[in-house]
Amino acid sequence: MAIDSQRANMSLKYTIPLESWDNKGSRVLGHTQEAQEINTYLMEVETKLFQCYQELRSKT
């Protein structure tokens, strides 16, 4: 995630084996139930962050 063109990292308290992580897509690889649940959660967090960003932009 980037804030004012600066990279910001955050932890969502999940540990993913390196070989199961798609760095380019920022998602868990595979079609297991766990991978799908984590990817859904990641999309929800991304959506909420974007909504917060849009709200902040509209206030300035």
N, C-alpha and C. Protein backbone atom coordinates (compact mmCIF):
# COMPACT_ATOMS: atom_id res chain seq x y z
N MET A 1 0.85 -1.16 0.00
CA MET A 1 0.00 0.00 0.00
C MET A 1 0.90 1.23 0.00
N ALA A 2 0.49 2.26 -0.72
CA ALA A 2 1.27 3.49 -0.76
C ALA A 2 0.44 4.65 -0.22
N ILE A 3 1.06 5.46 0.61
CA ILE A 3 0.42 6.64 1.17
C ILE A 3 1.31 7.82 0.83
N ASP A 4 0.75 8.80 0.12
CA ASP A 4 1.53 9.95 -0.35
C ASP A 4 2.83 9.50 -1.02
N SER A 5 2.69 8.52 -1.88
CA SER A 5 3.81 7.95 -2.65
C SER A 5 4.86 7.26 -1.79
N GLN A 6 4.55 7.02 -0.54
CA GLN A 6 5.47 6.29 0.33
C GLN A 6 4.84 4.95 0.69
N ARG A 7 5.64 3.92 0.66
CA ARG A 7 5.17 2.56 0.94
C ARG A 7 4.83 2.41 2.41
N ALA A 8 3.70 1.77 2.68
CA ALA A 8 3.29 1.48 4.05
C ALA A 8 2.95 0.00 4.15
N ASN A 9 3.47 -0.67 5.14
CA ASN A 9 3.19 -2.08 5.35
C ASN A 9 2.30 -2.24 6.57
N MET A 10 1.44 -3.25 6.50
CA MET A 10 0.60 -3.55 7.65
C MET A 10 0.46 -5.06 7.76
N SER A 11 0.25 -5.52 8.96
CA SER A 11 0.10 -6.95 9.20
C SER A 11 -1.36 -7.26 9.45
N LEU A 12 -1.84 -8.33 8.84
CA LEU A 12 -3.21 -8.79 9.06
C LEU A 12 -3.21 -10.07 9.89
N LYS A 13 -2.06 -10.38 10.48
CA LYS A 13 -1.91 -11.50 11.43
C LYS A 13 -2.07 -12.88 10.78
N TYR A 14 -1.77 -12.99 9.50
CA TYR A 14 -1.74 -14.28 8.82
C TYR A 14 -0.30 -14.63 8.49
N THR A 15 0.03 -15.89 8.59
CA THR A 15 1.34 -16.36 8.19
C THR A 15 1.15 -17.29 6.99
N ILE A 16 1.76 -16.93 5.89
CA ILE A 16 1.62 -17.69 4.64
C ILE A 16 3.00 -18.21 4.25
N PRO A 17 3.10 -19.52 3.94
CA PRO A 17 4.39 -20.02 3.44
C PRO A 17 4.80 -19.26 2.18
N LEU A 18 6.05 -18.92 2.08
CA LEU A 18 6.55 -18.12 0.97
C LEU A 18 6.18 -18.72 -0.39
N GLU A 19 6.24 -20.04 -0.51
CA GLU A 19 5.94 -20.68 -1.79
C GLU A 19 4.45 -20.61 -2.14
N SER A 20 3.60 -20.24 -1.18
CA SER A 20 2.16 -20.13 -1.43
C SER A 20 1.73 -18.69 -1.70
N TRP A 21 2.67 -17.76 -1.71
CA TRP A 21 2.34 -16.35 -1.88
C TRP A 21 2.67 -15.87 -3.27
N ASP A 22 1.71 -15.22 -3.92
CA ASP A 22 1.92 -14.58 -5.23
C ASP A 22 2.28 -13.13 -4.97
N ASN A 23 3.55 -12.83 -5.01
CA ASN A 23 4.04 -11.49 -4.69
C ASN A 23 3.50 -10.44 -5.67
N LYS A 24 3.43 -10.80 -6.94
CA LYS A 24 2.96 -9.86 -7.95
C LYS A 24 1.47 -9.54 -7.76
N GLY A 25 0.68 -10.54 -7.46
CA GLY A 25 -0.76 -10.33 -7.29
C GLY A 25 -1.17 -10.05 -5.86
N SER A 26 -0.23 -10.18 -4.92
CA SER A 26 -0.50 -9.98 -3.49
C SER A 26 -1.66 -10.85 -3.02
N ARG A 27 -1.60 -12.11 -3.38
CA ARG A 27 -2.63 -13.07 -3.02
C ARG A 27 -2.00 -14.42 -2.70
N VAL A 28 -2.78 -15.27 -2.04
CA VAL A 28 -2.35 -16.64 -1.77
C VAL A 28 -2.61 -17.47 -3.02
N LEU A 29 -1.64 -18.28 -3.40
CA LEU A 29 -1.80 -19.16 -4.54
C LEU A 29 -2.62 -20.39 -4.15
N GLY A 30 -3.33 -20.95 -5.10
CA GLY A 30 -4.05 -22.20 -4.87
C GLY A 30 -5.54 -22.00 -4.79
N HIS A 31 -6.23 -23.14 -4.74
CA HIS A 31 -7.69 -23.12 -4.73
C HIS A 31 -8.25 -23.82 -3.50
N THR A 32 -7.43 -23.94 -2.47
CA THR A 32 -7.92 -24.56 -1.25
C THR A 32 -8.92 -23.64 -0.56
N GLN A 33 -9.68 -24.21 0.34
CA GLN A 33 -10.65 -23.41 1.11
C GLN A 33 -9.93 -22.30 1.86
N GLU A 34 -8.80 -22.63 2.48
CA GLU A 34 -8.05 -21.63 3.25
C GLU A 34 -7.54 -20.51 2.35
N ALA A 35 -7.00 -20.85 1.19
CA ALA A 35 -6.50 -19.84 0.26
C ALA A 35 -7.63 -18.92 -0.19
N GLN A 36 -8.79 -19.48 -0.48
CA GLN A 36 -9.93 -18.68 -0.91
C GLN A 36 -10.41 -17.77 0.20
N GLU A 37 -10.45 -18.28 1.43
CA GLU A 37 -10.89 -17.46 2.56
C GLU A 37 -9.93 -16.30 2.81
N ILE A 38 -8.64 -16.57 2.75
CA ILE A 38 -7.65 -15.51 2.98
C ILE A 38 -7.72 -14.48 1.86
N ASN A 39 -7.84 -14.94 0.62
CA ASN A 39 -7.91 -13.99 -0.50
C ASN A 39 -9.18 -13.14 -0.43
N THR A 40 -10.28 -13.73 0.00
CA THR A 40 -11.52 -12.96 0.19
C THR A 40 -11.32 -11.91 1.26
N TYR A 41 -10.70 -12.31 2.36
CA TYR A 41 -10.42 -11.37 3.45
C TYR A 41 -9.52 -10.23 2.96
N LEU A 42 -8.50 -10.56 2.19
CA LEU A 42 -7.61 -9.53 1.65
C LEU A 42 -8.37 -8.54 0.77
N MET A 43 -9.29 -9.05 -0.05
CA MET A 43 -10.08 -8.16 -0.90
C MET A 43 -11.00 -7.27 -0.07
N GLU A 44 -11.57 -7.81 1.01
CA GLU A 44 -12.43 -7.01 1.89
C GLU A 44 -11.64 -5.89 2.55
N VAL A 45 -10.45 -6.21 3.04
CA VAL A 45 -9.60 -5.20 3.68
C VAL A 45 -9.21 -4.13 2.66
N GLU A 46 -8.83 -4.56 1.47
CA GLU A 46 -8.45 -3.61 0.42
C GLU A 46 -9.61 -2.69 0.08
N THR A 47 -10.81 -3.23 -0.01
CA THR A 47 -12.00 -2.44 -0.31
C THR A 47 -12.27 -1.42 0.79
N LYS A 48 -12.17 -1.85 2.05
CA LYS A 48 -12.41 -0.93 3.17
C LYS A 48 -11.36 0.18 3.21
N LEU A 49 -10.12 -0.16 2.95
CA LEU A 49 -9.07 0.85 2.92
C LEU A 49 -9.31 1.87 1.81
N PHE A 50 -9.74 1.38 0.65
CA PHE A 50 -10.01 2.28 -0.46
C PHE A 50 -11.19 3.20 -0.14
N GLN A 51 -12.23 2.66 0.53
CA GLN A 51 -13.37 3.48 0.92
C GLN A 51 -12.93 4.57 1.90
N CYS A 52 -12.09 4.23 2.86
CA CYS A 52 -11.56 5.22 3.80
C CYS A 52 -10.76 6.29 3.06
N TYR A 53 -9.96 5.86 2.13
CA TYR A 53 -9.16 6.79 1.31
C TYR A 53 -10.08 7.76 0.56
N GLN A 54 -11.14 7.22 -0.05
CA GLN A 54 -12.07 8.06 -0.81
C GLN A 54 -12.76 9.06 0.11
N GLU A 55 -13.15 8.63 1.31
CA GLU A 55 -13.79 9.53 2.27
C GLU A 55 -12.84 10.64 2.68
N LEU A 56 -11.60 10.32 2.93
CA LEU A 56 -10.61 11.34 3.32
C LEU A 56 -10.38 12.32 2.17
N ARG A 57 -10.30 11.82 0.97
CA ARG A 57 -10.09 12.71 -0.19
C ARG A 57 -11.26 13.65 -0.38
N SER A 58 -12.46 13.17 -0.13
CA SER A 58 -13.64 14.01 -0.35
C SER A 58 -13.76 15.10 0.71
N LYS A 59 -13.09 14.94 1.85
CA LYS A 59 -13.15 15.93 2.93
C LYS A 59 -12.15 17.06 2.73
N THR A 60 -11.21 16.90 1.82
CA THR A 60 -10.20 17.96 1.62
C THR A 60 -10.51 18.82 0.43
